[in-house]
Amino acid sequence: SNPPYGVDWKKYADMIREEREDDGD
């Protein structure tokens, strides 16, 4: 892959943080 450089994820930060907290390792 060549993902976007320096693009923020503020718009969907809540979803990603929630996934990290719920799924953990």
PDBML (XML) file of the C-alpha atoms, coordinates in Angstrom:
<?xml version="1.0" encoding="UTF-8" ?>
<PDBx:datablock datablockName="MODEL"
   xmlns:PDBx="http://pdbml.pdb.org/schema/pdbx-v50.xsd"
   xmlns:xsi="http://www.w3.org/2001/XMLSchema-instance"
   xsi:schemaLocation="http://pdbml.pdb.org/schema/pdbx-v50.xsd pdbx-v50.xsd">
   <PDBx:atom_siteCategory>
      <PDBx:atom_site id="1">
         <PDBx:B_iso_or_equiv>0.00</PDBx:B_iso_or_equiv>
         <PDBx:Cartn_x>0.000</PDBx:Cartn_x>
         <PDBx:Cartn_y>0.000</PDBx:Cartn_y>
         <PDBx:Cartn_z>0.000</PDBx:Cartn_z>
         <PDBx:auth_asym_id>A</PDBx:auth_asym_id>
         <PDBx:auth_atom_id>CA</PDBx:auth_atom_id>
         <PDBx:auth_comp_id>SER</PDBx:auth_comp_id>
         <PDBx:auth_seq_id>1</PDBx:auth_seq_id>
         <PDBx:group_PDB>ATOM</PDBx:group_PDB>
         <PDBx:label_alt_id xsi:nil="true" />
         <PDBx:label_asym_id>A</PDBx:label_asym_id>
         <PDBx:label_atom_id>CA</PDBx:label_atom_id>
         <PDBx:label_comp_id>SER</PDBx:label_comp_id>
         <PDBx:label_entity_id>1</PDBx:label_entity_id>
         <PDBx:label_seq_id>1</PDBx:label_seq_id>
         <PDBx:occupancy>1.00</PDBx:occupancy>
         <PDBx:pdbx_PDB_model_num>1</PDBx:pdbx_PDB_model_num>
         <PDBx:type_symbol>C</PDBx:type_symbol>
      </PDBx:atom_site>
      <PDBx:atom_site id="2">
         <PDBx:B_iso_or_equiv>0.00</PDBx:B_iso_or_equiv>
         <PDBx:Cartn_x>0.847</PDBx:Cartn_x>
         <PDBx:Cartn_y>3.673</PDBx:Cartn_y>
         <PDBx:Cartn_z>-0.354</PDBx:Cartn_z>
         <PDBx:auth_asym_id>A</PDBx:auth_asym_id>
         <PDBx:auth_atom_id>CA</PDBx:auth_atom_id>
         <PDBx:auth_comp_id>ASN</PDBx:auth_comp_id>
         <PDBx:auth_seq_id>2</PDBx:auth_seq_id>
         <PDBx:group_PDB>ATOM</PDBx:group_PDB>
         <PDBx:label_alt_id xsi:nil="true" />
         <PDBx:label_asym_id>A</PDBx:label_asym_id>
         <PDBx:label_atom_id>CA</PDBx:label_atom_id>
         <PDBx:label_comp_id>ASN</PDBx:label_comp_id>
         <PDBx:label_entity_id>1</PDBx:label_entity_id>
         <PDBx:label_seq_id>2</PDBx:label_seq_id>
         <PDBx:occupancy>1.00</PDBx:occupancy>
         <PDBx:pdbx_PDB_model_num>1</PDBx:pdbx_PDB_model_num>
         <PDBx:type_symbol>C</PDBx:type_symbol>
      </PDBx:atom_site>
      <PDBx:atom_site id="3">
         <PDBx:B_iso_or_equiv>0.00</PDBx:B_iso_or_equiv>
         <PDBx:Cartn_x>-1.532</PDBx:Cartn_x>
         <PDBx:Cartn_y>5.251</PDBx:Cartn_y>
         <PDBx:Cartn_z>2.196</PDBx:Cartn_z>
         <PDBx:auth_asym_id>A</PDBx:auth_asym_id>
         <PDBx:auth_atom_id>CA</PDBx:auth_atom_id>
         <PDBx:auth_comp_id>PRO</PDBx:auth_comp_id>
         <PDBx:auth_seq_id>3</PDBx:auth_seq_id>
         <PDBx:group_PDB>ATOM</PDBx:group_PDB>
         <PDBx:label_alt_id xsi:nil="true" />
         <PDBx:label_asym_id>A</PDBx:label_asym_id>
         <PDBx:label_atom_id>CA</PDBx:label_atom_id>
         <PDBx:label_comp_id>PRO</PDBx:label_comp_id>
         <PDBx:label_entity_id>1</PDBx:label_entity_id>
         <PDBx:label_seq_id>3</PDBx:label_seq_id>
         <PDBx:occupancy>1.00</PDBx:occupancy>
         <PDBx:pdbx_PDB_model_num>1</PDBx:pdbx_PDB_model_num>
         <PDBx:type_symbol>C</PDBx:type_symbol>
      </PDBx:atom_site>
      <PDBx:atom_site id="4">
         <PDBx:B_iso_or_equiv>0.00</PDBx:B_iso_or_equiv>
         <PDBx:Cartn_x>-2.115</PDBx:Cartn_x>
         <PDBx:Cartn_y>9.020</PDBx:Cartn_y>
         <PDBx:Cartn_z>2.456</PDBx:Cartn_z>
         <PDBx:auth_asym_id>A</PDBx:auth_asym_id>
         <PDBx:auth_atom_id>CA</PDBx:auth_atom_id>
         <PDBx:auth_comp_id>PRO</PDBx:auth_comp_id>
         <PDBx:auth_seq_id>4</PDBx:auth_seq_id>
         <PDBx:group_PDB>ATOM</PDBx:group_PDB>
         <PDBx:label_alt_id xsi:nil="true" />
         <PDBx:label_asym_id>A</PDBx:label_asym_id>
         <PDBx:label_atom_id>CA</PDBx:label_atom_id>
         <PDBx:label_comp_id>PRO</PDBx:label_comp_id>
         <PDBx:label_entity_id>1</PDBx:label_entity_id>
         <PDBx:label_seq_id>4</PDBx:label_seq_id>
         <PDBx:occupancy>1.00</PDBx:occupancy>
         <PDBx:pdbx_PDB_model_num>1</PDBx:pdbx_PDB_model_num>
         <PDBx:type_symbol>C</PDBx:type_symbol>
      </PDBx:atom_site>
      <PDBx:atom_site id="5">
         <PDBx:B_iso_or_equiv>0.00</PDBx:B_iso_or_equiv>
         <PDBx:Cartn_x>0.731</PDBx:Cartn_x>
         <PDBx:Cartn_y>10.992</PDBx:Cartn_y>
         <PDBx:Cartn_z>4.059</PDBx:Cartn_z>
         <PDBx:auth_asym_id>A</PDBx:auth_asym_id>
         <PDBx:auth_atom_id>CA</PDBx:auth_atom_id>
         <PDBx:auth_comp_id>TYR</PDBx:auth_comp_id>
         <PDBx:auth_seq_id>5</PDBx:auth_seq_id>
         <PDBx:group_PDB>ATOM</PDBx:group_PDB>
         <PDBx:label_alt_id xsi:nil="true" />
         <PDBx:label_asym_id>A</PDBx:label_asym_id>
         <PDBx:label_atom_id>CA</PDBx:label_atom_id>
         <PDBx:label_comp_id>TYR</PDBx:label_comp_id>
         <PDBx:label_entity_id>1</PDBx:label_entity_id>
         <PDBx:label_seq_id>5</PDBx:label_seq_id>
         <PDBx:occupancy>1.00</PDBx:occupancy>
         <PDBx:pdbx_PDB_model_num>1</PDBx:pdbx_PDB_model_num>
         <PDBx:type_symbol>C</PDBx:type_symbol>
      </PDBx:atom_site>
      <PDBx:atom_site id="6">
         <PDBx:B_iso_or_equiv>0.00</PDBx:B_iso_or_equiv>
         <PDBx:Cartn_x>0.084</PDBx:Cartn_x>
         <PDBx:Cartn_y>13.351</PDBx:Cartn_y>
         <PDBx:Cartn_z>6.945</PDBx:Cartn_z>
         <PDBx:auth_asym_id>A</PDBx:auth_asym_id>
         <PDBx:auth_atom_id>CA</PDBx:auth_atom_id>
         <PDBx:auth_comp_id>GLY</PDBx:auth_comp_id>
         <PDBx:auth_seq_id>6</PDBx:auth_seq_id>
         <PDBx:group_PDB>ATOM</PDBx:group_PDB>
         <PDBx:label_alt_id xsi:nil="true" />
         <PDBx:label_asym_id>A</PDBx:label_asym_id>
         <PDBx:label_atom_id>CA</PDBx:label_atom_id>
         <PDBx:label_comp_id>GLY</PDBx:label_comp_id>
         <PDBx:label_entity_id>1</PDBx:label_entity_id>
         <PDBx:label_seq_id>6</PDBx:label_seq_id>
         <PDBx:occupancy>1.00</PDBx:occupancy>
         <PDBx:pdbx_PDB_model_num>1</PDBx:pdbx_PDB_model_num>
         <PDBx:type_symbol>C</PDBx:type_symbol>
      </PDBx:atom_site>
      <PDBx:atom_site id="7">
         <PDBx:B_iso_or_equiv>0.00</PDBx:B_iso_or_equiv>
         <PDBx:Cartn_x>-3.716</PDBx:Cartn_x>
         <PDBx:Cartn_y>13.122</PDBx:Cartn_y>
         <PDBx:Cartn_z>6.690</PDBx:Cartn_z>
         <PDBx:auth_asym_id>A</PDBx:auth_asym_id>
         <PDBx:auth_atom_id>CA</PDBx:auth_atom_id>
         <PDBx:auth_comp_id>VAL</PDBx:auth_comp_id>
         <PDBx:auth_seq_id>7</PDBx:auth_seq_id>
         <PDBx:group_PDB>ATOM</PDBx:group_PDB>
         <PDBx:label_alt_id xsi:nil="true" />
         <PDBx:label_asym_id>A</PDBx:label_asym_id>
         <PDBx:label_atom_id>CA</PDBx:label_atom_id>
         <PDBx:label_comp_id>VAL</PDBx:label_comp_id>
         <PDBx:label_entity_id>1</PDBx:label_entity_id>
         <PDBx:label_seq_id>7</PDBx:label_seq_id>
         <PDBx:occupancy>1.00</PDBx:occupancy>
         <PDBx:pdbx_PDB_model_num>1</PDBx:pdbx_PDB_model_num>
         <PDBx:type_symbol>C</PDBx:type_symbol>
      </PDBx:atom_site>
      <PDBx:atom_site id="8">
         <PDBx:B_iso_or_equiv>0.00</PDBx:B_iso_or_equiv>
         <PDBx:Cartn_x>-5.409</PDBx:Cartn_x>
         <PDBx:Cartn_y>13.511</PDBx:Cartn_y>
         <PDBx:Cartn_z>10.060</PDBx:Cartn_z>
         <PDBx:auth_asym_id>A</PDBx:auth_asym_id>
         <PDBx:auth_atom_id>CA</PDBx:auth_atom_id>
         <PDBx:auth_comp_id>ASP</PDBx:auth_comp_id>
         <PDBx:auth_seq_id>8</PDBx:auth_seq_id>
         <PDBx:group_PDB>ATOM</PDBx:group_PDB>
         <PDBx:label_alt_id xsi:nil="true" />
         <PDBx:label_asym_id>A</PDBx:label_asym_id>
         <PDBx:label_atom_id>CA</PDBx:label_atom_id>
         <PDBx:label_comp_id>ASP</PDBx:label_comp_id>
         <PDBx:label_entity_id>1</PDBx:label_entity_id>
         <PDBx:label_seq_id>8</PDBx:label_seq_id>
         <PDBx:occupancy>1.00</PDBx:occupancy>
         <PDBx:pdbx_PDB_model_num>1</PDBx:pdbx_PDB_model_num>
         <PDBx:type_symbol>C</PDBx:type_symbol>
      </PDBx:atom_site>
      <PDBx:atom_site id="9">
         <PDBx:B_iso_or_equiv>0.00</PDBx:B_iso_or_equiv>
         <PDBx:Cartn_x>-8.043</PDBx:Cartn_x>
         <PDBx:Cartn_y>11.102</PDBx:Cartn_y>
         <PDBx:Cartn_z>11.381</PDBx:Cartn_z>
         <PDBx:auth_asym_id>A</PDBx:auth_asym_id>
         <PDBx:auth_atom_id>CA</PDBx:auth_atom_id>
         <PDBx:auth_comp_id>TRP</PDBx:auth_comp_id>
         <PDBx:auth_seq_id>9</PDBx:auth_seq_id>
         <PDBx:group_PDB>ATOM</PDBx:group_PDB>
         <PDBx:label_alt_id xsi:nil="true" />
         <PDBx:label_asym_id>A</PDBx:label_asym_id>
         <PDBx:label_atom_id>CA</PDBx:label_atom_id>
         <PDBx:label_comp_id>TRP</PDBx:label_comp_id>
         <PDBx:label_entity_id>1</PDBx:label_entity_id>
         <PDBx:label_seq_id>9</PDBx:label_seq_id>
         <PDBx:occupancy>1.00</PDBx:occupancy>
         <PDBx:pdbx_PDB_model_num>1</PDBx:pdbx_PDB_model_num>
         <PDBx:type_symbol>C</PDBx:type_symbol>
      </PDBx:atom_site>
      <PDBx:atom_site id="10">
         <PDBx:B_iso_or_equiv>0.00</PDBx:B_iso_or_equiv>
         <PDBx:Cartn_x>-9.828</PDBx:Cartn_x>
         <PDBx:Cartn_y>13.621</PDBx:Cartn_y>
         <PDBx:Cartn_z>13.589</PDBx:Cartn_z>
         <PDBx:auth_asym_id>A</PDBx:auth_asym_id>
         <PDBx:auth_atom_id>CA</PDBx:auth_atom_id>
         <PDBx:auth_comp_id>LYS</PDBx:auth_comp_id>
         <PDBx:auth_seq_id>10</PDBx:auth_seq_id>
         <PDBx:group_PDB>ATOM</PDBx:group_PDB>
         <PDBx:label_alt_id xsi:nil="true" />
         <PDBx:label_asym_id>A</PDBx:label_asym_id>
         <PDBx:label_atom_id>CA</PDBx:label_atom_id>
         <PDBx:label_comp_id>LYS</PDBx:label_comp_id>
         <PDBx:label_entity_id>1</PDBx:label_entity_id>
         <PDBx:label_seq_id>10</PDBx:label_seq_id>
         <PDBx:occupancy>1.00</PDBx:occupancy>
         <PDBx:pdbx_PDB_model_num>1</PDBx:pdbx_PDB_model_num>
         <PDBx:type_symbol>C</PDBx:type_symbol>
      </PDBx:atom_site>
      <PDBx:atom_site id="11">
         <PDBx:B_iso_or_equiv>0.00</PDBx:B_iso_or_equiv>
         <PDBx:Cartn_x>-13.200</PDBx:Cartn_x>
         <PDBx:Cartn_y>13.087</PDBx:Cartn_y>
         <PDBx:Cartn_z>11.894</PDBx:Cartn_z>
         <PDBx:auth_asym_id>A</PDBx:auth_asym_id>
         <PDBx:auth_atom_id>CA</PDBx:auth_atom_id>
         <PDBx:auth_comp_id>LYS</PDBx:auth_comp_id>
         <PDBx:auth_seq_id>11</PDBx:auth_seq_id>
         <PDBx:group_PDB>ATOM</PDBx:group_PDB>
         <PDBx:label_alt_id xsi:nil="true" />
         <PDBx:label_asym_id>A</PDBx:label_asym_id>
         <PDBx:label_atom_id>CA</PDBx:label_atom_id>
         <PDBx:label_comp_id>LYS</PDBx:label_comp_id>
         <PDBx:label_entity_id>1</PDBx:label_entity_id>
         <PDBx:label_seq_id>11</PDBx:label_seq_id>
         <PDBx:occupancy>1.00</PDBx:occupancy>
         <PDBx:pdbx_PDB_model_num>1</PDBx:pdbx_PDB_model_num>
         <PDBx:type_symbol>C</PDBx:type_symbol>
      </PDBx:atom_site>
      <PDBx:atom_site id="12">
         <PDBx:B_iso_or_equiv>0.00</PDBx:B_iso_or_equiv>
         <PDBx:Cartn_x>-13.357</PDBx:Cartn_x>
         <PDBx:Cartn_y>9.459</PDBx:Cartn_y>
         <PDBx:Cartn_z>12.991</PDBx:Cartn_z>
         <PDBx:auth_asym_id>A</PDBx:auth_asym_id>
         <PDBx:auth_atom_id>CA</PDBx:auth_atom_id>
         <PDBx:auth_comp_id>TYR</PDBx:auth_comp_id>
         <PDBx:auth_seq_id>12</PDBx:auth_seq_id>
         <PDBx:group_PDB>ATOM</PDBx:group_PDB>
         <PDBx:label_alt_id xsi:nil="true" />
         <PDBx:label_asym_id>A</PDBx:label_asym_id>
         <PDBx:label_atom_id>CA</PDBx:label_atom_id>
         <PDBx:label_comp_id>TYR</PDBx:label_comp_id>
         <PDBx:label_entity_id>1</PDBx:label_entity_id>
         <PDBx:label_seq_id>12</PDBx:label_seq_id>
         <PDBx:occupancy>1.00</PDBx:occupancy>
         <PDBx:pdbx_PDB_model_num>1</PDBx:pdbx_PDB_model_num>
         <PDBx:type_symbol>C</PDBx:type_symbol>
      </PDBx:atom_site>
      <PDBx:atom_site id="13">
         <PDBx:B_iso_or_equiv>0.00</PDBx:B_iso_or_equiv>
         <PDBx:Cartn_x>-11.096</PDBx:Cartn_x>
         <PDBx:Cartn_y>9.562</PDBx:Cartn_y>
         <PDBx:Cartn_z>16.055</PDBx:Cartn_z>
         <PDBx:auth_asym_id>A</PDBx:auth_asym_id>
         <PDBx:auth_atom_id>CA</PDBx:auth_atom_id>
         <PDBx:auth_comp_id>ALA</PDBx:auth_comp_id>
         <PDBx:auth_seq_id>13</PDBx:auth_seq_id>
         <PDBx:group_PDB>ATOM</PDBx:group_PDB>
         <PDBx:label_alt_id xsi:nil="true" />
         <PDBx:label_asym_id>A</PDBx:label_asym_id>
         <PDBx:label_atom_id>CA</PDBx:label_atom_id>
         <PDBx:label_comp_id>ALA</PDBx:label_comp_id>
         <PDBx:label_entity_id>1</PDBx:label_entity_id>
         <PDBx:label_seq_id>13</PDBx:label_seq_id>
         <PDBx:occupancy>1.00</PDBx:occupancy>
         <PDBx:pdbx_PDB_model_num>1</PDBx:pdbx_PDB_model_num>
         <PDBx:type_symbol>C</PDBx:type_symbol>
      </PDBx:atom_site>
      <PDBx:atom_site id="14">
         <PDBx:B_iso_or_equiv>0.00</PDBx:B_iso_or_equiv>
         <PDBx:Cartn_x>-13.887</PDBx:Cartn_x>
         <PDBx:Cartn_y>8.537</PDBx:Cartn_y>
         <PDBx:Cartn_z>18.439</PDBx:Cartn_z>
         <PDBx:auth_asym_id>A</PDBx:auth_asym_id>
         <PDBx:auth_atom_id>CA</PDBx:auth_atom_id>
         <PDBx:auth_comp_id>ASP</PDBx:auth_comp_id>
         <PDBx:auth_seq_id>14</PDBx:auth_seq_id>
         <PDBx:group_PDB>ATOM</PDBx:group_PDB>
         <PDBx:label_alt_id xsi:nil="true" />
         <PDBx:label_asym_id>A</PDBx:label_asym_id>
         <PDBx:label_atom_id>CA</PDBx:label_atom_id>
         <PDBx:label_comp_id>ASP</PDBx:label_comp_id>
         <PDBx:label_entity_id>1</PDBx:label_entity_id>
         <PDBx:label_seq_id>14</PDBx:label_seq_id>
         <PDBx:occupancy>1.00</PDBx:occupancy>
         <PDBx:pdbx_PDB_model_num>1</PDBx:pdbx_PDB_model_num>
         <PDBx:type_symbol>C</PDBx:type_symbol>
      </PDBx:atom_site>
      <PDBx:atom_site id="15">
         <PDBx:B_iso_or_equiv>0.00</PDBx:B_iso_or_equiv>
         <PDBx:Cartn_x>-14.608</PDBx:Cartn_x>
         <PDBx:Cartn_y>5.344</PDBx:Cartn_y>
         <PDBx:Cartn_z>16.485</PDBx:Cartn_z>
         <PDBx:auth_asym_id>A</PDBx:auth_asym_id>
         <PDBx:auth_atom_id>CA</PDBx:auth_atom_id>
         <PDBx:auth_comp_id>MET</PDBx:auth_comp_id>
         <PDBx:auth_seq_id>15</PDBx:auth_seq_id>
         <PDBx:group_PDB>ATOM</PDBx:group_PDB>
         <PDBx:label_alt_id xsi:nil="true" />
         <PDBx:label_asym_id>A</PDBx:label_asym_id>
         <PDBx:label_atom_id>CA</PDBx:label_atom_id>
         <PDBx:label_comp_id>MET</PDBx:label_comp_id>
         <PDBx:label_entity_id>1</PDBx:label_entity_id>
         <PDBx:label_seq_id>15</PDBx:label_seq_id>
         <PDBx:occupancy>1.00</PDBx:occupancy>
         <PDBx:pdbx_PDB_model_num>1</PDBx:pdbx_PDB_model_num>
         <PDBx:type_symbol>C</PDBx:type_symbol>
      </PDBx:atom_site>
      <PDBx:atom_site id="16">
         <PDBx:B_iso_or_equiv>0.00</PDBx:B_iso_or_equiv>
         <PDBx:Cartn_x>-10.956</PDBx:Cartn_x>
         <PDBx:Cartn_y>4.353</PDBx:Cartn_y>
         <PDBx:Cartn_z>16.312</PDBx:Cartn_z>
         <PDBx:auth_asym_id>A</PDBx:auth_asym_id>
         <PDBx:auth_atom_id>CA</PDBx:auth_atom_id>
         <PDBx:auth_comp_id>ILE</PDBx:auth_comp_id>
         <PDBx:auth_seq_id>16</PDBx:auth_seq_id>
         <PDBx:group_PDB>ATOM</PDBx:group_PDB>
         <PDBx:label_alt_id xsi:nil="true" />
         <PDBx:label_asym_id>A</PDBx:label_asym_id>
         <PDBx:label_atom_id>CA</PDBx:label_atom_id>
         <PDBx:label_comp_id>ILE</PDBx:label_comp_id>
         <PDBx:label_entity_id>1</PDBx:label_entity_id>
         <PDBx:label_seq_id>16</PDBx:label_seq_id>
         <PDBx:occupancy>1.00</PDBx:occupancy>
         <PDBx:pdbx_PDB_model_num>1</PDBx:pdbx_PDB_model_num>
         <PDBx:type_symbol>C</PDBx:type_symbol>
      </PDBx:atom_site>
      <PDBx:atom_site id="17">
         <PDBx:B_iso_or_equiv>0.00</PDBx:B_iso_or_equiv>
         <PDBx:Cartn_x>-10.297</PDBx:Cartn_x>
         <PDBx:Cartn_y>5.076</PDBx:Cartn_y>
         <PDBx:Cartn_z>19.980</PDBx:Cartn_z>
         <PDBx:auth_asym_id>A</PDBx:auth_asym_id>
         <PDBx:auth_atom_id>CA</PDBx:auth_atom_id>
         <PDBx:auth_comp_id>ARG</PDBx:auth_comp_id>
         <PDBx:auth_seq_id>17</PDBx:auth_seq_id>
         <PDBx:group_PDB>ATOM</PDBx:group_PDB>
         <PDBx:label_alt_id xsi:nil="true" />
         <PDBx:label_asym_id>A</PDBx:label_asym_id>
         <PDBx:label_atom_id>CA</PDBx:label_atom_id>
         <PDBx:label_comp_id>ARG</PDBx:label_comp_id>
         <PDBx:label_entity_id>1</PDBx:label_entity_id>
         <PDBx:label_seq_id>17</PDBx:label_seq_id>
         <PDBx:occupancy>1.00</PDBx:occupancy>
         <PDBx:pdbx_PDB_model_num>1</PDBx:pdbx_PDB_model_num>
         <PDBx:type_symbol>C</PDBx:type_symbol>
      </PDBx:atom_site>
      <PDBx:atom_site id="18">
         <PDBx:B_iso_or_equiv>0.00</PDBx:B_iso_or_equiv>
         <PDBx:Cartn_x>-13.384</PDBx:Cartn_x>
         <PDBx:Cartn_y>3.115</PDBx:Cartn_y>
         <PDBx:Cartn_z>20.951</PDBx:Cartn_z>
         <PDBx:auth_asym_id>A</PDBx:auth_asym_id>
         <PDBx:auth_atom_id>CA</PDBx:auth_atom_id>
         <PDBx:auth_comp_id>GLU</PDBx:auth_comp_id>
         <PDBx:auth_seq_id>18</PDBx:auth_seq_id>
         <PDBx:group_PDB>ATOM</PDBx:group_PDB>
         <PDBx:label_alt_id xsi:nil="true" />
         <PDBx:label_asym_id>A</PDBx:label_asym_id>
         <PDBx:label_atom_id>CA</PDBx:label_atom_id>
         <PDBx:label_comp_id>GLU</PDBx:label_comp_id>
         <PDBx:label_entity_id>1</PDBx:label_entity_id>
         <PDBx:label_seq_id>18</PDBx:label_seq_id>
         <PDBx:occupancy>1.00</PDBx:occupancy>
         <PDBx:pdbx_PDB_model_num>1</PDBx:pdbx_PDB_model_num>
         <PDBx:type_symbol>C</PDBx:type_symbol>
      </PDBx:atom_site>
      <PDBx:atom_site id="19">
         <PDBx:B_iso_or_equiv>0.00</PDBx:B_iso_or_equiv>
         <PDBx:Cartn_x>-12.210</PDBx:Cartn_x>
         <PDBx:Cartn_y>0.168</PDBx:Cartn_y>
         <PDBx:Cartn_z>18.843</PDBx:Cartn_z>
         <PDBx:auth_asym_id>A</PDBx:auth_asym_id>
         <PDBx:auth_atom_id>CA</PDBx:auth_atom_id>
         <PDBx:auth_comp_id>GLU</PDBx:auth_comp_id>
         <PDBx:auth_seq_id>19</PDBx:auth_seq_id>
         <PDBx:group_PDB>ATOM</PDBx:group_PDB>
         <PDBx:label_alt_id xsi:nil="true" />
         <PDBx:label_asym_id>A</PDBx:label_asym_id>
         <PDBx:label_atom_id>CA</PDBx:label_atom_id>
         <PDBx:label_comp_id>GLU</PDBx:label_comp_id>
         <PDBx:label_entity_id>1</PDBx:label_entity_id>
         <PDBx:label_seq_id>19</PDBx:label_seq_id>
         <PDBx:occupancy>1.00</PDBx:occupancy>
         <PDBx:pdbx_PDB_model_num>1</PDBx:pdbx_PDB_model_num>
         <PDBx:type_symbol>C</PDBx:type_symbol>
      </PDBx:atom_site>
      <PDBx:atom_site id="20">
         <PDBx:B_iso_or_equiv>0.00</PDBx:B_iso_or_equiv>
         <PDBx:Cartn_x>-8.775</PDBx:Cartn_x>
         <PDBx:Cartn_y>0.314</PDBx:Cartn_y>
         <PDBx:Cartn_z>20.462</PDBx:Cartn_z>
         <PDBx:auth_asym_id>A</PDBx:auth_asym_id>
         <PDBx:auth_atom_id>CA</PDBx:auth_atom_id>
         <PDBx:auth_comp_id>ARG</PDBx:auth_comp_id>
         <PDBx:auth_seq_id>20</PDBx:auth_seq_id>
         <PDBx:group_PDB>ATOM</PDBx:group_PDB>
         <PDBx:label_alt_id xsi:nil="true" />
         <PDBx:label_asym_id>A</PDBx:label_asym_id>
         <PDBx:label_atom_id>CA</PDBx:label_atom_id>
         <PDBx:label_comp_id>ARG</PDBx:label_comp_id>
         <PDBx:label_entity_id>1</PDBx:label_entity_id>
         <PDBx:label_seq_id>20</PDBx:label_seq_id>
         <PDBx:occupancy>1.00</PDBx:occupancy>
         <PDBx:pdbx_PDB_model_num>1</PDBx:pdbx_PDB_model_num>
         <PDBx:type_symbol>C</PDBx:type_symbol>
      </PDBx:atom_site>
      <PDBx:atom_site id="21">
         <PDBx:B_iso_or_equiv>0.00</PDBx:B_iso_or_equiv>
         <PDBx:Cartn_x>-10.285</PDBx:Cartn_x>
         <PDBx:Cartn_y>0.374</PDBx:Cartn_y>
         <PDBx:Cartn_z>23.962</PDBx:Cartn_z>
         <PDBx:auth_asym_id>A</PDBx:auth_asym_id>
         <PDBx:auth_atom_id>CA</PDBx:auth_atom_id>
         <PDBx:auth_comp_id>GLU</PDBx:auth_comp_id>
         <PDBx:auth_seq_id>21</PDBx:auth_seq_id>
         <PDBx:group_PDB>ATOM</PDBx:group_PDB>
         <PDBx:label_alt_id xsi:nil="true" />
         <PDBx:label_asym_id>A</PDBx:label_asym_id>
         <PDBx:label_atom_id>CA</PDBx:label_atom_id>
         <PDBx:label_comp_id>GLU</PDBx:label_comp_id>
         <PDBx:label_entity_id>1</PDBx:label_entity_id>
         <PDBx:label_seq_id>21</PDBx:label_seq_id>
         <PDBx:occupancy>1.00</PDBx:occupancy>
         <PDBx:pdbx_PDB_model_num>1</PDBx:pdbx_PDB_model_num>
         <PDBx:type_symbol>C</PDBx:type_symbol>
      </PDBx:atom_site>
      <PDBx:atom_site id="22">
         <PDBx:B_iso_or_equiv>0.00</PDBx:B_iso_or_equiv>
         <PDBx:Cartn_x>-12.789</PDBx:Cartn_x>
         <PDBx:Cartn_y>-2.403</PDBx:Cartn_y>
         <PDBx:Cartn_z>23.252</PDBx:Cartn_z>
         <PDBx:auth_asym_id>A</PDBx:auth_asym_id>
         <PDBx:auth_atom_id>CA</PDBx:auth_atom_id>
         <PDBx:auth_comp_id>ASP</PDBx:auth_comp_id>
         <PDBx:auth_seq_id>22</PDBx:auth_seq_id>
         <PDBx:group_PDB>ATOM</PDBx:group_PDB>
         <PDBx:label_alt_id xsi:nil="true" />
         <PDBx:label_asym_id>A</PDBx:label_asym_id>
         <PDBx:label_atom_id>CA</PDBx:label_atom_id>
         <PDBx:label_comp_id>ASP</PDBx:label_comp_id>
         <PDBx:label_entity_id>1</PDBx:label_entity_id>
         <PDBx:label_seq_id>22</PDBx:label_seq_id>
         <PDBx:occupancy>1.00</PDBx:occupancy>
         <PDBx:pdbx_PDB_model_num>1</PDBx:pdbx_PDB_model_num>
         <PDBx:type_symbol>C</PDBx:type_symbol>
      </PDBx:atom_site>
      <PDBx:atom_site id="23">
         <PDBx:B_iso_or_equiv>0.00</PDBx:B_iso_or_equiv>
         <PDBx:Cartn_x>-10.529</PDBx:Cartn_x>
         <PDBx:Cartn_y>-4.794</PDBx:Cartn_y>
         <PDBx:Cartn_z>21.305</PDBx:Cartn_z>
         <PDBx:auth_asym_id>A</PDBx:auth_asym_id>
         <PDBx:auth_atom_id>CA</PDBx:auth_atom_id>
         <PDBx:auth_comp_id>ASP</PDBx:auth_comp_id>
         <PDBx:auth_seq_id>23</PDBx:auth_seq_id>
         <PDBx:group_PDB>ATOM</PDBx:group_PDB>
         <PDBx:label_alt_id xsi:nil="true" />
         <PDBx:label_asym_id>A</PDBx:label_asym_id>
         <PDBx:label_atom_id>CA</PDBx:label_atom_id>
         <PDBx:label_comp_id>ASP</PDBx:label_comp_id>
         <PDBx:label_entity_id>1</PDBx:label_entity_id>
         <PDBx:label_seq_id>23</PDBx:label_seq_id>
         <PDBx:occupancy>1.00</PDBx:occupancy>
         <PDBx:pdbx_PDB_model_num>1</PDBx:pdbx_PDB_model_num>
         <PDBx:type_symbol>C</PDBx:type_symbol>
      </PDBx:atom_site>
      <PDBx:atom_site id="24">
         <PDBx:B_iso_or_equiv>0.00</PDBx:B_iso_or_equiv>
         <PDBx:Cartn_x>-7.171</PDBx:Cartn_x>
         <PDBx:Cartn_y>-4.039</PDBx:Cartn_y>
         <PDBx:Cartn_z>22.961</PDBx:Cartn_z>
         <PDBx:auth_asym_id>A</PDBx:auth_asym_id>
         <PDBx:auth_atom_id>CA</PDBx:auth_atom_id>
         <PDBx:auth_comp_id>GLY</PDBx:auth_comp_id>
         <PDBx:auth_seq_id>24</PDBx:auth_seq_id>
         <PDBx:group_PDB>ATOM</PDBx:group_PDB>
         <PDBx:label_alt_id xsi:nil="true" />
         <PDBx:label_asym_id>A</PDBx:label_asym_id>
         <PDBx:label_atom_id>CA</PDBx:label_atom_id>
         <PDBx:label_comp_id>GLY</PDBx:label_comp_id>
         <PDBx:label_entity_id>1</PDBx:label_entity_id>
         <PDBx:label_seq_id>24</PDBx:label_seq_id>
         <PDBx:occupancy>1.00</PDBx:occupancy>
         <PDBx:pdbx_PDB_model_num>1</PDBx:pdbx_PDB_model_num>
         <PDBx:type_symbol>C</PDBx:type_symbol>
      </PDBx:atom_site>
      <PDBx:atom_site id="25">
         <PDBx:B_iso_or_equiv>0.00</PDBx:B_iso_or_equiv>
         <PDBx:Cartn_x>-4.409</PDBx:Cartn_x>
         <PDBx:Cartn_y>-6.453</PDBx:Cartn_y>
         <PDBx:Cartn_z>21.996</PDBx:Cartn_z>
         <PDBx:auth_asym_id>A</PDBx:auth_asym_id>
         <PDBx:auth_atom_id>CA</PDBx:auth_atom_id>
         <PDBx:auth_comp_id>ASP</PDBx:auth_comp_id>
         <PDBx:auth_seq_id>25</PDBx:auth_seq_id>
         <PDBx:group_PDB>ATOM</PDBx:group_PDB>
         <PDBx:label_alt_id xsi:nil="true" />
         <PDBx:label_asym_id>A</PDBx:label_asym_id>
         <PDBx:label_atom_id>CA</PDBx:label_atom_id>
         <PDBx:label_comp_id>ASP</PDBx:label_comp_id>
         <PDBx:label_entity_id>1</PDBx:label_entity_id>
         <PDBx:label_seq_id>25</PDBx:label_seq_id>
         <PDBx:occupancy>1.00</PDBx:occupancy>
         <PDBx:pdbx_PDB_model_num>1</PDBx:pdbx_PDB_model_num>
         <PDBx:type_symbol>C</PDBx:type_symbol>
      </PDBx:atom_site>
   </PDBx:atom_siteCategory>
</PDBx:datablock>
